[in-house]
Amino acid sequence: MTWEVIDIRPRAMHSRAMSTLLDTPPLTIGLQLRKLRQQAGLSQLDLALHSGISQRHLSCLETGRARPSPAMLDTLLSAMDTPLAARNSLFLTAGFAPRYAALPLADPGLEMVHEAITHILKANDPAPAIVLDSNWNVIAANAGTAALLQLVSLPAEAIGSDLNLLTTLLAPGGLGDRLLNAEQIRRVAWQRASREALDNTGLAQLLARLPVPTGHATEAEQALPPVLITRLDSSAGELCFLSTFTTFGMPQDITVASLRIEHLIPADAATWTAMQAACPR
């Protein structure tokens, strides 16, 4: 399968907040379970009912007065829809072997995933679509993405093999400089990545090297919007896209679970016309 990607080299900058996050000491298995439950917005009674155990037993697990078995730990994490990589980490914290594999994308066992990605990317043309891993690295893109890069006149040296979406949005010289609503897009990207970085050291390290978006977010903007409009300045005029994500349902492999496809769907007739002209099918 042929994957087209671009490369915007980051201009390193320091974030004290993310550095502090990296220095946070690990929590006990009980405290981690409590933290995950609270992040999921569940009471002890809610999680106990979802997991088929008593609230008293769950309280003992969270306070360390009892230790979960591997089966019980898996039940609790499944009830909270915890990411697979985080589940492996908690299994290790509890003294158990990890349960979920992380096959490389080139593994023959993921051939079906490759075929699905290829189909989805081609089906989206001429609308841009990219595949991201858990660190926001762009690992695949369709012809519509290449056409969009030409329309926004990114320099030739920006097209390479190591594009990271966060870097090209937040660092100077990348796609973020072509955004007409740059403050909003950068702020939303930073918010989403910061939440994901709570369980992803690699992503936290990347954020610590990137500039923090400027501008003050209102209370309404602090909640991630269900649909985001991306507005770009291009040689064909202003382009407007709806930004949505697709993920693989019920994955049992960490690599597959980390993949997501971002779709930029033209939001008006002018954008559709410009993309069709730039990316003939």
C-alpha atoms as a PDB file:
ATOM      1  CA  MET A   1       0.000   0.000   0.000  1.00  0.00           C
ATOM      2  CA  THR A   2       1.280   3.505  -0.864  1.00  0.00           C
ATOM      3  CA  TRP A   3       1.150   6.120   1.903  1.00  0.00           C
ATOM      4  CA  GLU A   4       1.772   9.811   1.262  1.00  0.00           C
ATOM      5  CA  VAL A   5       2.899  11.816   4.299  1.00  0.00           C
ATOM      6  CA  ILE A   6       4.369  15.247   4.940  1.00  0.00           C
ATOM      7  CA  ASP A   7       7.021  16.502   7.349  1.00  0.00           C
ATOM      8  CA  ILE A   8       7.013  19.776   9.265  1.00  0.00           C
ATOM      9  CA  ARG A   9      10.093  19.911  11.517  1.00  0.00           C
ATOM     10  CA  PRO A  10       9.267  21.244  15.016  1.00  0.00           C
ATOM     11  CA  ARG A  11      10.762  24.370  16.532  1.00  0.00           C
ATOM     12  CA  ALA A  12      11.350  23.115  20.087  1.00  0.00           C
ATOM     13  CA  MET A  13       9.744  25.079  22.907  1.00  0.00           C
ATOM     14  CA  HIS A  14       9.317  24.241  26.572  1.00  0.00           C
ATOM     15  CA  SER A  15       6.060  23.767  28.471  1.00  0.00           C
ATOM     16  CA  ARG A  16       6.356  23.800  32.255  1.00  0.00           C
ATOM     17  CA  ALA A  17       2.951  22.230  32.641  1.00  0.00           C
ATOM     18  CA  MET A  18       3.861  19.182  30.555  1.00  0.00           C
ATOM     19  CA  SER A  19       7.272  18.874  32.233  1.00  0.00           C
ATOM     20  CA  THR A  20       5.505  18.762  35.584  1.00  0.00           C
ATOM     21  CA  LEU A  21       3.249  16.033  34.232  1.00  0.00           C
ATOM     22  CA  LEU A  22       6.265  13.944  33.235  1.00  0.00           C
ATOM     23  CA  ASP A  23       7.699  14.209  36.768  1.00  0.00           C
ATOM     24  CA  THR A  24       4.516  12.983  38.491  1.00  0.00           C
ATOM     25  CA  PRO A  25       5.259   9.819  40.543  1.00  0.00           C
ATOM     26  CA  PRO A  26       3.267   6.661  39.721  1.00  0.00           C
ATOM     27  CA  LEU A  27       0.149   5.911  41.765  1.00  0.00           C
ATOM     28  CA  THR A  28      -0.769   2.611  43.409  1.00  0.00           C
ATOM     29  CA  ILE A  29      -3.161   0.332  41.535  1.00  0.00           C
ATOM     30  CA  GLY A  30      -6.007   1.327  43.850  1.00  0.00           C
ATOM     31  CA  LEU A  31      -5.465   5.049  43.410  1.00  0.00           C
ATOM     32  CA  GLN A  32      -5.162   4.605  39.635  1.00  0.00           C
ATOM     33  CA  LEU A  33      -8.496   2.771  39.566  1.00  0.00           C
ATOM     34  CA  ARG A  34     -10.088   5.596  41.545  1.00  0.00           C
ATOM     35  CA  LYS A  35      -8.588   8.205  39.206  1.00  0.00           C
ATOM     36  CA  LEU A  36      -9.850   6.368  36.119  1.00  0.00           C
ATOM     37  CA  ARG A  37     -13.318   6.028  37.655  1.00  0.00           C
ATOM     38  CA  GLN A  38     -13.462   9.734  38.438  1.00  0.00           C
ATOM     39  CA  GLN A  39     -12.237  10.645  34.936  1.00  0.00           C
ATOM     40  CA  ALA A  40     -15.019   8.451  33.527  1.00  0.00           C
ATOM     41  CA  GLY A  41     -17.560  10.384  35.618  1.00  0.00           C
ATOM     42  CA  LEU A  42     -18.692   7.259  37.480  1.00  0.00           C
ATOM     43  CA  SER A  43     -19.546   6.899  41.153  1.00  0.00           C
ATOM     44  CA  GLN A  44     -18.388   3.826  43.057  1.00  0.00           C
ATOM     45  CA  LEU A  45     -21.950   2.510  42.880  1.00  0.00           C
ATOM     46  CA  ASP A  46     -22.095   3.056  39.102  1.00  0.00           C
ATOM     47  CA  LEU A  47     -18.845   1.193  38.461  1.00  0.00           C
ATOM     48  CA  ALA A  48     -19.755  -1.577  40.901  1.00  0.00           C
ATOM     49  CA  LEU A  49     -23.056  -2.158  39.106  1.00  0.00           C
ATOM     50  CA  HIS A  50     -21.368  -2.145  35.674  1.00  0.00           C
ATOM     51  CA  SER A  51     -18.746  -4.614  36.912  1.00  0.00           C
ATOM     52  CA  GLY A  52     -20.993  -6.962  38.857  1.00  0.00           C
ATOM     53  CA  ILE A  53     -19.304  -6.453  42.229  1.00  0.00           C
ATOM     54  CA  SER A  54     -20.336  -4.812  45.493  1.00  0.00           C
ATOM     55  CA  GLN A  55     -19.636  -1.156  46.166  1.00  0.00           C
ATOM     56  CA  ARG A  56     -17.885  -2.191  49.392  1.00  0.00           C
ATOM     57  CA  HIS A  57     -15.475  -4.466  47.520  1.00  0.00           C
ATOM     58  CA  LEU A  58     -14.720  -1.715  44.993  1.00  0.00           C
ATOM     59  CA  SER A  59     -13.994   0.674  47.864  1.00  0.00           C
ATOM     60  CA  CYS A  60     -11.550  -1.862  49.328  1.00  0.00           C
ATOM     61  CA  LEU A  61      -9.813  -2.173  45.957  1.00  0.00           C
ATOM     62  CA  GLU A  62      -9.419   1.601  45.613  1.00  0.00           C
ATOM     63  CA  THR A  63      -8.082   2.056  49.149  1.00  0.00           C
ATOM     64  CA  GLY A  64      -5.654  -0.859  48.904  1.00  0.00           C
ATOM     65  CA  ARG A  65      -7.386  -3.022  51.527  1.00  0.00           C
ATOM     66  CA  ALA A  66      -7.944  -5.609  48.790  1.00  0.00           C
ATOM     67  CA  ARG A  67      -6.054  -6.495  45.611  1.00  0.00           C
ATOM     68  CA  PRO A  68      -7.820  -7.187  42.316  1.00  0.00           C
ATOM     69  CA  SER A  69      -7.354 -10.479  40.499  1.00  0.00           C
ATOM     70  CA  PRO A  70      -6.373 -10.279  36.804  1.00  0.00           C
ATOM     71  CA  ALA A  71      -9.958 -11.104  35.792  1.00  0.00           C
ATOM     72  CA  MET A  72     -11.419  -8.509  38.169  1.00  0.00           C
ATOM     73  CA  LEU A  73      -8.965  -5.841  36.986  1.00  0.00           C
ATOM     74  CA  ASP A  74      -9.852  -6.555  33.352  1.00  0.00           C
ATOM     75  CA  THR A  75     -13.565  -6.343  34.181  1.00  0.00           C
ATOM     76  CA  LEU A  76     -13.175  -2.974  35.883  1.00  0.00           C
ATOM     77  CA  LEU A  77     -11.028  -1.509  33.096  1.00  0.00           C
ATOM     78  CA  SER A  78     -13.418  -2.773  30.429  1.00  0.00           C
ATOM     79  CA  ALA A  79     -16.363  -1.194  32.269  1.00  0.00           C
ATOM     80  CA  MET A  80     -14.535   2.162  32.194  1.00  0.00           C
ATOM     81  CA  ASP A  81     -13.545   1.719  28.509  1.00  0.00           C
ATOM     82  CA  THR A  82      -9.882   2.234  29.442  1.00  0.00           C
ATOM     83  CA  PRO A  83      -7.466   2.343  26.460  1.00  0.00           C
ATOM     84  CA  LEU A  84      -5.629  -0.958  25.910  1.00  0.00           C
ATOM     85  CA  ALA A  85      -2.158   0.509  26.448  1.00  0.00           C
ATOM     86  CA  ALA A  86      -3.284   1.963  29.778  1.00  0.00           C
ATOM     87  CA  ARG A  87      -4.764  -1.411  30.735  1.00  0.00           C
ATOM     88  CA  ASN A  88      -1.396  -3.084  30.159  1.00  0.00           C
ATOM     89  CA  SER A  89       0.250  -0.446  32.336  1.00  0.00           C
ATOM     90  CA  LEU A  90      -2.209  -1.114  35.165  1.00  0.00           C
ATOM     91  CA  PHE A  91      -1.708  -4.865  34.863  1.00  0.00           C
ATOM     92  CA  LEU A  92       2.028  -4.300  35.349  1.00  0.00           C
ATOM     93  CA  THR A  93       1.373  -1.994  38.315  1.00  0.00           C
ATOM     94  CA  ALA A  94      -0.749  -4.742  39.888  1.00  0.00           C
ATOM     95  CA  GLY A  95       2.035  -7.297  39.331  1.00  0.00           C
ATOM     96  CA  PHE A  96       0.451  -9.123  36.396  1.00  0.00           C
ATOM     97  CA  ALA A  97       1.650  -9.726  32.841  1.00  0.00           C
ATOM     98  CA  PRO A  98       0.241  -7.409  30.124  1.00  0.00           C
ATOM     99  CA  ARG A  99      -2.809  -8.813  28.359  1.00  0.00           C
ATOM    100  CA  TYR A 100      -2.823  -6.960  25.041  1.00  0.00           C
ATOM    101  CA  ALA A 101      -0.351  -7.230  22.174  1.00  0.00           C
ATOM    102  CA  ALA A 102       0.987  -4.340  20.093  1.00  0.00           C
ATOM    103  CA  LEU A 103       1.743  -5.696  16.638  1.00  0.00           C
ATOM    104  CA  PRO A 104       3.767  -3.496  14.263  1.00  0.00           C
ATOM    105  CA  LEU A 105       1.723  -2.099  11.399  1.00  0.00           C
ATOM    106  CA  ALA A 106       3.760  -4.166   8.938  1.00  0.00           C
ATOM    107  CA  ASP A 107       2.776  -7.421  10.674  1.00  0.00           C
ATOM    108  CA  PRO A 108       0.837  -9.813   8.395  1.00  0.00           C
ATOM    109  CA  GLY A 109      -1.746 -10.122  11.148  1.00  0.00           C
ATOM    110  CA  LEU A 110      -2.808  -6.537  10.469  1.00  0.00           C
ATOM    111  CA  GLU A 111      -3.271  -6.991   6.718  1.00  0.00           C
ATOM    112  CA  MET A 112      -7.017  -6.614   7.113  1.00  0.00           C
ATOM    113  CA  VAL A 113      -6.451  -3.298   8.906  1.00  0.00           C
ATOM    114  CA  HIS A 114      -4.215  -2.114   6.048  1.00  0.00           C
ATOM    115  CA  GLU A 115      -6.901  -2.987   3.523  1.00  0.00           C
ATOM    116  CA  ALA A 116      -9.553  -1.173   5.533  1.00  0.00           C
ATOM    117  CA  ILE A 117      -7.374   1.947   5.817  1.00  0.00           C
ATOM    118  CA  THR A 118      -6.648   1.922   2.078  1.00  0.00           C
ATOM    119  CA  HIS A 119     -10.350   1.621   1.264  1.00  0.00           C
ATOM    120  CA  ILE A 120     -11.368   4.424   3.645  1.00  0.00           C
ATOM    121  CA  LEU A 121      -8.680   6.813   2.392  1.00  0.00           C
ATOM    122  CA  LYS A 122      -9.541   6.257  -1.270  1.00  0.00           C
ATOM    123  CA  ALA A 123     -13.266   6.493  -0.579  1.00  0.00           C
ATOM    124  CA  ASN A 124     -12.778   9.943   0.966  1.00  0.00           C
ATOM    125  CA  ASP A 125     -11.094  11.478  -2.110  1.00  0.00           C
ATOM    126  CA  PRO A 126     -11.235  14.323  -2.992  1.00  0.00           C
ATOM    127  CA  ALA A 127     -11.869  15.175   0.669  1.00  0.00           C
ATOM    128  CA  PRO A 128      -8.625  15.015   2.704  1.00  0.00           C
ATOM    129  CA  ALA A 129      -8.193  12.135   5.159  1.00  0.00           C
ATOM    130  CA  ILE A 130      -5.192  11.162   7.288  1.00  0.00           C
ATOM    131  CA  VAL A 131      -4.390   8.285   9.644  1.00  0.00           C
ATOM    132  CA  LEU A 132      -2.905   9.180  13.050  1.00  0.00           C
ATOM    133  CA  ASP A 133      -1.265   7.057  15.717  1.00  0.00           C
ATOM    134  CA  SER A 134      -1.447   7.717  19.468  1.00  0.00           C
ATOM    135  CA  ASN A 135       1.299  10.383  19.252  1.00  0.00           C
ATOM    136  CA  TRP A 136      -0.475  12.254  16.427  1.00  0.00           C
ATOM    137  CA  ASN A 137       2.063  11.055  13.840  1.00  0.00           C
ATOM    138  CA  VAL A 138       0.575  10.991  10.332  1.00  0.00           C
ATOM    139  CA  ILE A 139       1.186   7.453   9.070  1.00  0.00           C
ATOM    140  CA  ALA A 140      -1.040   7.547   5.992  1.00  0.00           C
ATOM    141  CA  ALA A 141      -2.861  10.103   3.853  1.00  0.00           C
ATOM    142  CA  ASN A 142      -4.934  10.141   0.680  1.00  0.00           C
ATOM    143  CA  ALA A 143      -4.620  12.059  -2.578  1.00  0.00           C
ATOM    144  CA  GLY A 144      -7.023  14.700  -1.261  1.00  0.00           C
ATOM    145  CA  THR A 145      -4.515  15.554   1.474  1.00  0.00           C
ATOM    146  CA  ALA A 146      -1.745  16.082  -1.084  1.00  0.00           C
ATOM    147  CA  ALA A 147      -4.087  18.306  -3.111  1.00  0.00           C
ATOM    148  CA  LEU A 148      -4.919  20.373  -0.030  1.00  0.00           C
ATOM    149  CA  LEU A 149      -1.232  20.915   0.731  1.00  0.00           C
ATOM    150  CA  GLN A 150      -0.741  22.253  -2.779  1.00  0.00           C
ATOM    151  CA  LEU A 151      -3.744  24.569  -2.416  1.00  0.00           C
ATOM    152  CA  VAL A 152      -2.377  26.079   0.816  1.00  0.00           C
ATOM    153  CA  SER A 153       1.088  26.410  -0.779  1.00  0.00           C
ATOM    154  CA  LEU A 154       3.137  24.617   1.833  1.00  0.00           C
ATOM    155  CA  PRO A 155       6.832  24.826   0.874  1.00  0.00           C
ATOM    156  CA  ALA A 156       8.337  21.830  -0.889  1.00  0.00           C
ATOM    157  CA  GLU A 157      10.746  21.164   1.999  1.00  0.00           C
ATOM    158  CA  ALA A 158       7.747  20.652   4.289  1.00  0.00           C
ATOM    159  CA  ILE A 159       6.809  17.453   2.460  1.00  0.00           C
ATOM    160  CA  GLY A 160       8.756  14.478   3.798  1.00  0.00           C
ATOM    161  CA  SER A 161       8.301  11.318   5.854  1.00  0.00           C
ATOM    162  CA  ASP A 162       7.821  12.362   9.496  1.00  0.00           C
ATOM    163  CA  LEU A 163       4.781  14.598   9.717  1.00  0.00           C
ATOM    164  CA  ASN A 164       3.219  15.069  13.132  1.00  0.00           C
ATOM    165  CA  LEU A 165      -0.180  16.770  13.119  1.00  0.00           C
ATOM    166  CA  LEU A 166       0.393  18.573  16.427  1.00  0.00           C
ATOM    167  CA  THR A 167       3.736  19.899  15.231  1.00  0.00           C
ATOM    168  CA  THR A 168       2.422  21.183  11.922  1.00  0.00           C
ATOM    169  CA  LEU A 169      -0.533  22.845  13.685  1.00  0.00           C
ATOM    170  CA  LEU A 170       1.330  24.398  16.631  1.00  0.00           C
ATOM    171  CA  ALA A 171       4.891  25.098  15.457  1.00  0.00           C
ATOM    172  CA  PRO A 172       5.690  28.051  13.137  1.00  0.00           C
ATOM    173  CA  GLY A 173       6.032  27.287   9.438  1.00  0.00           C
ATOM    174  CA  GLY A 174       3.444  24.537   9.278  1.00  0.00           C
ATOM    175  CA  LEU A 175      -0.195  24.062   8.377  1.00  0.00           C
ATOM    176  CA  GLY A 176      -1.248  26.132  11.378  1.00  0.00           C
ATOM    177  CA  ASP A 177       0.075  29.279   9.672  1.00  0.00           C
ATOM    178  CA  ARG A 178      -2.508  28.762   6.880  1.00  0.00           C
ATOM    179  CA  LEU A 179      -5.445  28.572   9.294  1.00  0.00           C
ATOM    180  CA  LEU A 180      -7.881  31.496   9.321  1.00  0.00           C
ATOM    181  CA  ASN A 181      -9.165  30.374  12.747  1.00  0.00           C
ATOM    182  CA  ALA A 182      -5.746  29.361  14.032  1.00  0.00           C
ATOM    183  CA  GLU A 183      -6.350  30.268  17.696  1.00  0.00           C
ATOM    184  CA  GLN A 184      -9.423  28.045  17.936  1.00  0.00           C
ATOM    185  CA  ILE A 185      -7.937  25.064  16.081  1.00  0.00           C
ATOM    186  CA  ARG A 186      -4.658  25.211  17.990  1.00  0.00           C
ATOM    187  CA  ARG A 187      -6.430  25.567  21.324  1.00  0.00           C
ATOM    188  CA  VAL A 188      -8.726  22.596  20.651  1.00  0.00           C
ATOM    189  CA  ALA A 189      -5.810  20.457  19.429  1.00  0.00           C
ATOM    190  CA  TRP A 190      -3.824  21.349  22.562  1.00  0.00           C
ATOM    191  CA  GLN A 191      -6.767  20.550  24.851  1.00  0.00           C
ATOM    192  CA  ARG A 192      -7.396  17.188  23.226  1.00  0.00           C
ATOM    193  CA  ALA A 193      -3.707  16.214  23.178  1.00  0.00           C
ATOM    194  CA  SER A 194      -3.217  17.321  26.797  1.00  0.00           C
ATOM    195  CA  ARG A 195      -5.992  15.013  27.938  1.00  0.00           C
ATOM    196  CA  GLU A 196      -4.568  12.113  25.940  1.00  0.00           C
ATOM    197  CA  ALA A 197      -1.061  12.844  27.313  1.00  0.00           C
ATOM    198  CA  LEU A 198      -2.216  12.007  30.841  1.00  0.00           C
ATOM    199  CA  ASP A 199      -1.757   8.337  29.890  1.00  0.00           C
ATOM    200  CA  ASN A 200       0.866   8.765  27.155  1.00  0.00           C
ATOM    201  CA  THR A 201       4.401   9.792  28.150  1.00  0.00           C
ATOM    202  CA  GLY A 202       5.554  10.110  24.540  1.00  0.00           C
ATOM    203  CA  LEU A 203       2.779  12.552  23.716  1.00  0.00           C
ATOM    204  CA  ALA A 204       3.488  14.496  26.918  1.00  0.00           C
ATOM    205  CA  GLN A 205       7.131  14.845  25.867  1.00  0.00           C
ATOM    206  CA  LEU A 206       6.075  16.139  22.442  1.00  0.00           C
ATOM    207  CA  LEU A 207       3.735  18.728  23.973  1.00  0.00           C
ATOM    208  CA  ALA A 208       6.542  19.912  26.262  1.00  0.00           C
ATOM    209  CA  ARG A 209       8.541  20.872  23.145  1.00  0.00           C
ATOM    210  CA  LEU A 210       5.721  22.742  21.398  1.00  0.00           C
ATOM    211  CA  PRO A 211       4.459  26.306  21.916  1.00  0.00           C
ATOM    212  CA  VAL A 212       1.331  26.670  24.050  1.00  0.00           C
ATOM    213  CA  PRO A 213      -1.493  28.255  21.995  1.00  0.00           C
ATOM    214  CA  THR A 214      -2.177  31.904  22.757  1.00  0.00           C
ATOM    215  CA  GLY A 215      -5.572  33.404  23.416  1.00  0.00           C
ATOM    216  CA  HIS A 216      -8.019  32.924  26.245  1.00  0.00           C
ATOM    217  CA  ALA A 217     -10.619  30.172  25.971  1.00  0.00           C
ATOM    218  CA  THR A 218     -14.109  31.043  27.132  1.00  0.00           C
ATOM    219  CA  GLU A 219     -15.970  28.662  29.430  1.00  0.00           C
ATOM    220  CA  ALA A 220     -17.976  27.384  26.455  1.00  0.00           C
ATOM    221  CA  GLU A 221     -14.817  26.777  24.418  1.00  0.00           C
ATOM    222  CA  GLN A 222     -13.123  24.779  27.198  1.00  0.00           C
ATOM    223  CA  ALA A 223     -15.385  21.828  26.359  1.00  0.00           C
ATOM    224  CA  LEU A 224     -14.277  20.118  23.154  1.00  0.00           C
ATOM    225  CA  PRO A 225     -16.805  20.864  20.383  1.00  0.00           C
ATOM    226  CA  PRO A 226     -18.641  17.911  18.772  1.00  0.00           C
ATOM    227  CA  VAL A 227     -17.919  19.285  15.294  1.00  0.00           C
ATOM    228  CA  LEU A 228     -15.007  21.560  14.444  1.00  0.00           C
ATOM    229  CA  ILE A 229     -14.828  23.889  11.431  1.00  0.00           C
ATOM    230  CA  THR A 230     -11.331  24.215   9.950  1.00  0.00           C
ATOM    231  CA  ARG A 231     -10.894  27.359   7.831  1.00  0.00           C
ATOM    232  CA  LEU A 232      -7.865  27.580   5.544  1.00  0.00           C
ATOM    233  CA  ASP A 233      -6.442  30.318   3.331  1.00  0.00           C
ATOM    234  CA  SER A 234      -5.624  28.830  -0.081  1.00  0.00           C
ATOM    235  CA  SER A 235      -4.905  29.732  -3.677  1.00  0.00           C
ATOM    236  CA  ALA A 236      -8.564  28.881  -4.401  1.00  0.00           C
ATOM    237  CA  GLY A 237      -9.832  31.209  -1.670  1.00  0.00           C
ATOM    238  CA  GLU A 238     -11.106  30.289   1.764  1.00  0.00           C
ATOM    239  CA  LEU A 239     -11.645  26.552   2.283  1.00  0.00           C
ATOM    240  CA  CYS A 240     -13.935  25.287   5.047  1.00  0.00           C
ATOM    241  CA  PHE A 241     -13.939  21.737   6.392  1.00  0.00           C
ATOM    242  CA  LEU A 242     -15.837  19.779   9.029  1.00  0.00           C
ATOM    243  CA  SER A 243     -13.348  17.799  11.101  1.00  0.00           C
ATOM    244  CA  THR A 244     -14.380  14.345  12.336  1.00  0.00           C
ATOM    245  CA  PHE A 245     -12.615  11.190  13.539  1.00  0.00           C
ATOM    246  CA  THR A 246     -13.100   7.485  12.832  1.00  0.00           C
ATOM    247  CA  THR A 247     -11.671   4.737  15.073  1.00  0.00           C
ATOM    248  CA  PHE A 248     -11.684   0.940  14.895  1.00  0.00           C
ATOM    249  CA  GLY A 249     -14.474  -0.605  16.965  1.00  0.00           C
ATOM    250  CA  MET A 250     -13.703  -3.125  19.735  1.00  0.00           C
ATOM    251  CA  PRO A 251      -9.960  -3.476  18.973  1.00  0.00           C
ATOM    252  CA  GLN A 252      -7.954  -6.182  20.765  1.00  0.00           C
ATOM    253  CA  ASP A 253      -4.512  -4.902  19.747  1.00  0.00           C
ATOM    254  CA  ILE A 254      -2.874  -1.736  21.072  1.00  0.00           C
ATOM    255  CA  THR A 255      -1.621  -0.638  17.649  1.00  0.00           C
ATOM    256  CA  VAL A 256      -5.088  -0.920  16.115  1.00  0.00           C
ATOM    257  CA  ALA A 257      -6.676   0.784  19.132  1.00  0.00           C
ATOM    258  CA  SER A 258      -4.327   3.768  18.771  1.00  0.00           C
ATOM    259  CA  LEU A 259      -5.177   4.422  15.124  1.00  0.00           C
ATOM    260  CA  ARG A 260      -7.726   7.033  14.135  1.00  0.00           C
ATOM    261  CA  ILE A 261      -8.646   8.558  10.825  1.00  0.00           C
ATOM    262  CA  GLU A 262      -9.277  12.299  10.642  1.00  0.00           C
ATOM    263  CA  HIS A 263     -11.655  13.351   7.894  1.00  0.00           C
ATOM    264  CA  LEU A 264     -11.784  16.921   6.587  1.00  0.00           C
ATOM    265  CA  ILE A 265     -15.192  17.062   4.933  1.00  0.00           C
ATOM    266  CA  PRO A 266     -15.819  20.111   2.713  1.00  0.00           C
ATOM    267  CA  ALA A 267     -18.372  22.263   4.519  1.00  0.00           C
ATOM    268  CA  ASP A 268     -19.635  24.267   1.534  1.00  0.00           C
ATOM    269  CA  ALA A 269     -20.025  24.062  -2.230  1.00  0.00           C
ATOM    270  CA  ALA A 270     -17.004  26.263  -2.945  1.00  0.00           C
ATOM    271  CA  THR A 271     -14.710  23.965  -0.954  1.00  0.00           C
ATOM    272  CA  TRP A 272     -16.103  20.870  -2.683  1.00  0.00           C
ATOM    273  CA  THR A 273     -15.515  22.497  -6.081  1.00  0.00           C
ATOM    274  CA  ALA A 274     -11.947  23.488  -5.197  1.00  0.00           C
ATOM    275  CA  MET A 275     -11.065  19.998  -3.946  1.00  0.00           C
ATOM    276  CA  GLN A 276     -12.611  18.296  -6.967  1.00  0.00           C
ATOM    277  CA  ALA A 277     -10.597  20.533  -9.291  1.00  0.00           C
ATOM    278  CA  ALA A 278      -7.350  19.958  -7.366  1.00  0.00           C
ATOM    279  CA  CYS A 279      -7.860  16.189  -6.986  1.00  0.00           C
ATOM    280  CA  PRO A 280      -9.626  14.780 -10.060  1.00  0.00           C
ATOM    281  CA  ARG A 281     -10.813  11.199  -9.571  1.00  0.00           C
END
